[in-house]
N, C-alpha and C. Protein backbone atom coordinates (compact mmCIF):
# COMPACT_ATOMS: atom_id res chain seq x y z
N UNK A 1 16.59 4.88 -1.28
CA UNK A 1 17.27 3.61 -1.14
C UNK A 1 16.37 2.60 -0.43
N UNK A 2 15.62 3.09 0.55
CA UNK A 2 14.72 2.20 1.31
C UNK A 2 13.69 1.56 0.39
N UNK A 3 13.13 2.34 -0.54
CA UNK A 3 12.14 1.79 -1.48
C UNK A 3 12.76 0.66 -2.31
N UNK A 4 14.00 0.84 -2.75
CA UNK A 4 14.64 -0.19 -3.57
C UNK A 4 14.83 -1.47 -2.79
N UNK A 5 15.19 -1.35 -1.51
CA UNK A 5 15.38 -2.54 -0.67
C UNK A 5 14.04 -3.26 -0.46
N UNK A 6 12.99 -2.50 -0.20
CA UNK A 6 11.68 -3.08 0.08
C UNK A 6 11.00 -3.56 -1.19
N UNK A 7 10.95 -2.68 -2.21
CA UNK A 7 10.21 -3.02 -3.43
C UNK A 7 10.67 -2.12 -4.58
N UNK A 8 11.46 -2.67 -5.51
CA UNK A 8 11.91 -1.84 -6.64
C UNK A 8 10.75 -1.25 -7.45
N UNK A 9 9.64 -1.95 -7.54
CA UNK A 9 8.49 -1.42 -8.28
C UNK A 9 7.94 -0.17 -7.60
N UNK A 10 7.92 -0.19 -6.27
CA UNK A 10 7.42 0.98 -5.54
C UNK A 10 8.35 2.17 -5.78
N UNK A 11 9.64 1.94 -5.85
CA UNK A 11 10.59 3.01 -6.16
C UNK A 11 10.33 3.58 -7.55
N UNK A 12 10.09 2.72 -8.53
CA UNK A 12 9.81 3.18 -9.88
C UNK A 12 8.54 4.02 -9.90
N UNK A 13 7.49 3.55 -9.24
CA UNK A 13 6.24 4.30 -9.18
C UNK A 13 6.46 5.66 -8.52
N UNK A 14 7.20 5.67 -7.42
CA UNK A 14 7.47 6.91 -6.70
C UNK A 14 8.27 7.88 -7.58
N UNK A 15 9.26 7.37 -8.31
CA UNK A 15 10.08 8.23 -9.16
C UNK A 15 9.28 8.85 -10.30
N UNK A 16 8.23 8.16 -10.75
CA UNK A 16 7.36 8.67 -11.80
C UNK A 16 6.17 9.44 -11.25
N UNK A 17 6.14 9.61 -9.93
CA UNK A 17 5.07 10.31 -9.21
C UNK A 17 3.69 9.70 -9.52
N UNK A 18 3.67 8.36 -9.49
CA UNK A 18 2.43 7.62 -9.71
C UNK A 18 1.95 7.12 -8.36
N UNK A 19 0.76 7.52 -7.96
CA UNK A 19 0.19 7.10 -6.69
C UNK A 19 -0.81 5.99 -6.88
N UNK A 20 -1.22 5.40 -5.79
CA UNK A 20 -2.20 4.34 -5.84
C UNK A 20 -3.60 4.95 -5.89
N UNK A 21 -4.48 4.30 -6.64
CA UNK A 21 -5.86 4.77 -6.72
C UNK A 21 -6.56 4.54 -5.39
N UNK A 22 -7.40 5.47 -5.02
CA UNK A 22 -8.16 5.31 -3.78
C UNK A 22 -9.66 5.42 -4.02
N UNK A 23 -10.06 5.94 -5.17
CA UNK A 23 -11.47 6.19 -5.44
C UNK A 23 -12.11 5.13 -6.34
N UNK A 24 -11.34 4.20 -6.88
CA UNK A 24 -11.88 3.17 -7.76
C UNK A 24 -12.72 2.18 -6.95
N UNK A 25 -13.83 1.73 -7.52
CA UNK A 25 -14.75 0.84 -6.80
C UNK A 25 -14.07 -0.42 -6.28
N UNK A 26 -13.22 -1.02 -7.07
CA UNK A 26 -12.55 -2.26 -6.64
C UNK A 26 -11.53 -2.01 -5.53
N UNK A 27 -10.90 -0.86 -5.54
CA UNK A 27 -9.96 -0.51 -4.48
C UNK A 27 -10.72 -0.32 -3.17
N UNK A 28 -11.85 0.37 -3.24
CA UNK A 28 -12.68 0.58 -2.05
C UNK A 28 -13.18 -0.76 -1.52
N UNK A 29 -13.62 -1.63 -2.42
CA UNK A 29 -14.10 -2.96 -2.02
C UNK A 29 -12.97 -3.76 -1.35
N UNK A 30 -11.77 -3.71 -1.91
CA UNK A 30 -10.64 -4.41 -1.33
C UNK A 30 -10.26 -3.86 0.03
N UNK A 31 -10.34 -2.56 0.20
CA UNK A 31 -10.04 -1.94 1.49
C UNK A 31 -11.04 -2.40 2.55
N UNK A 32 -12.32 -2.40 2.18
CA UNK A 32 -13.34 -2.86 3.12
C UNK A 32 -13.16 -4.34 3.46
N UNK A 33 -12.85 -5.15 2.46
CA UNK A 33 -12.62 -6.57 2.69
C UNK A 33 -11.42 -6.78 3.61
N UNK A 34 -10.37 -6.02 3.38
CA UNK A 34 -9.17 -6.13 4.22
C UNK A 34 -9.48 -5.77 5.67
N UNK A 35 -10.20 -4.67 5.86
CA UNK A 35 -10.53 -4.24 7.22
C UNK A 35 -11.44 -5.25 7.92
N UNK A 36 -12.33 -5.87 7.18
CA UNK A 36 -13.24 -6.85 7.76
C UNK A 36 -12.54 -8.18 8.04
N UNK A 37 -11.65 -8.58 7.15
CA UNK A 37 -10.97 -9.87 7.27
C UNK A 37 -9.83 -9.85 8.28
N UNK A 38 -9.17 -8.72 8.41
CA UNK A 38 -8.01 -8.60 9.28
C UNK A 38 -8.19 -7.45 10.26
N UNK A 39 -9.07 -7.62 11.24
CA UNK A 39 -9.34 -6.50 12.14
C UNK A 39 -8.20 -6.20 13.13
N UNK A 40 -7.32 -7.17 13.38
CA UNK A 40 -6.23 -6.94 14.34
C UNK A 40 -5.08 -6.22 13.68
N UNK A 41 -4.61 -5.16 14.30
CA UNK A 41 -3.52 -4.35 13.74
C UNK A 41 -2.17 -5.05 13.80
N UNK A 42 -1.99 -5.98 14.75
CA UNK A 42 -0.66 -6.58 14.91
C UNK A 42 -0.32 -7.57 13.78
N UNK A 43 -1.23 -7.81 12.86
CA UNK A 43 -0.94 -8.68 11.73
C UNK A 43 -0.36 -7.90 10.55
N UNK A 44 -0.30 -6.59 10.66
CA UNK A 44 0.21 -5.76 9.58
C UNK A 44 1.59 -5.24 9.93
N UNK A 45 2.40 -5.11 8.90
CA UNK A 45 3.73 -4.53 9.05
C UNK A 45 3.68 -3.10 8.53
N UNK A 46 4.00 -2.15 9.37
CA UNK A 46 3.98 -0.75 8.98
C UNK A 46 5.39 -0.34 8.61
N UNK A 47 5.52 0.18 7.39
CA UNK A 47 6.82 0.67 6.91
C UNK A 47 6.72 2.18 6.87
N UNK A 48 7.60 2.82 7.56
CA UNK A 48 7.56 4.27 7.68
C UNK A 48 7.87 4.92 6.33
N UNK A 49 7.02 5.86 5.93
CA UNK A 49 7.23 6.57 4.66
C UNK A 49 8.29 7.64 4.86
N UNK A 50 9.16 7.77 3.88
CA UNK A 50 10.23 8.78 3.97
C UNK A 50 9.82 10.06 3.33
């Protein structure tokens, strides 16, 4: 129910057991860019995984 409230698409992906890619070059580049651009943790919202 929490996934539906936060993001119906995430619920659909979870129900189909589809995870996010972590090894793709563009995903790695985006992760590095995110860490470099937003070094402060208090700018992120952490949603607890169920």
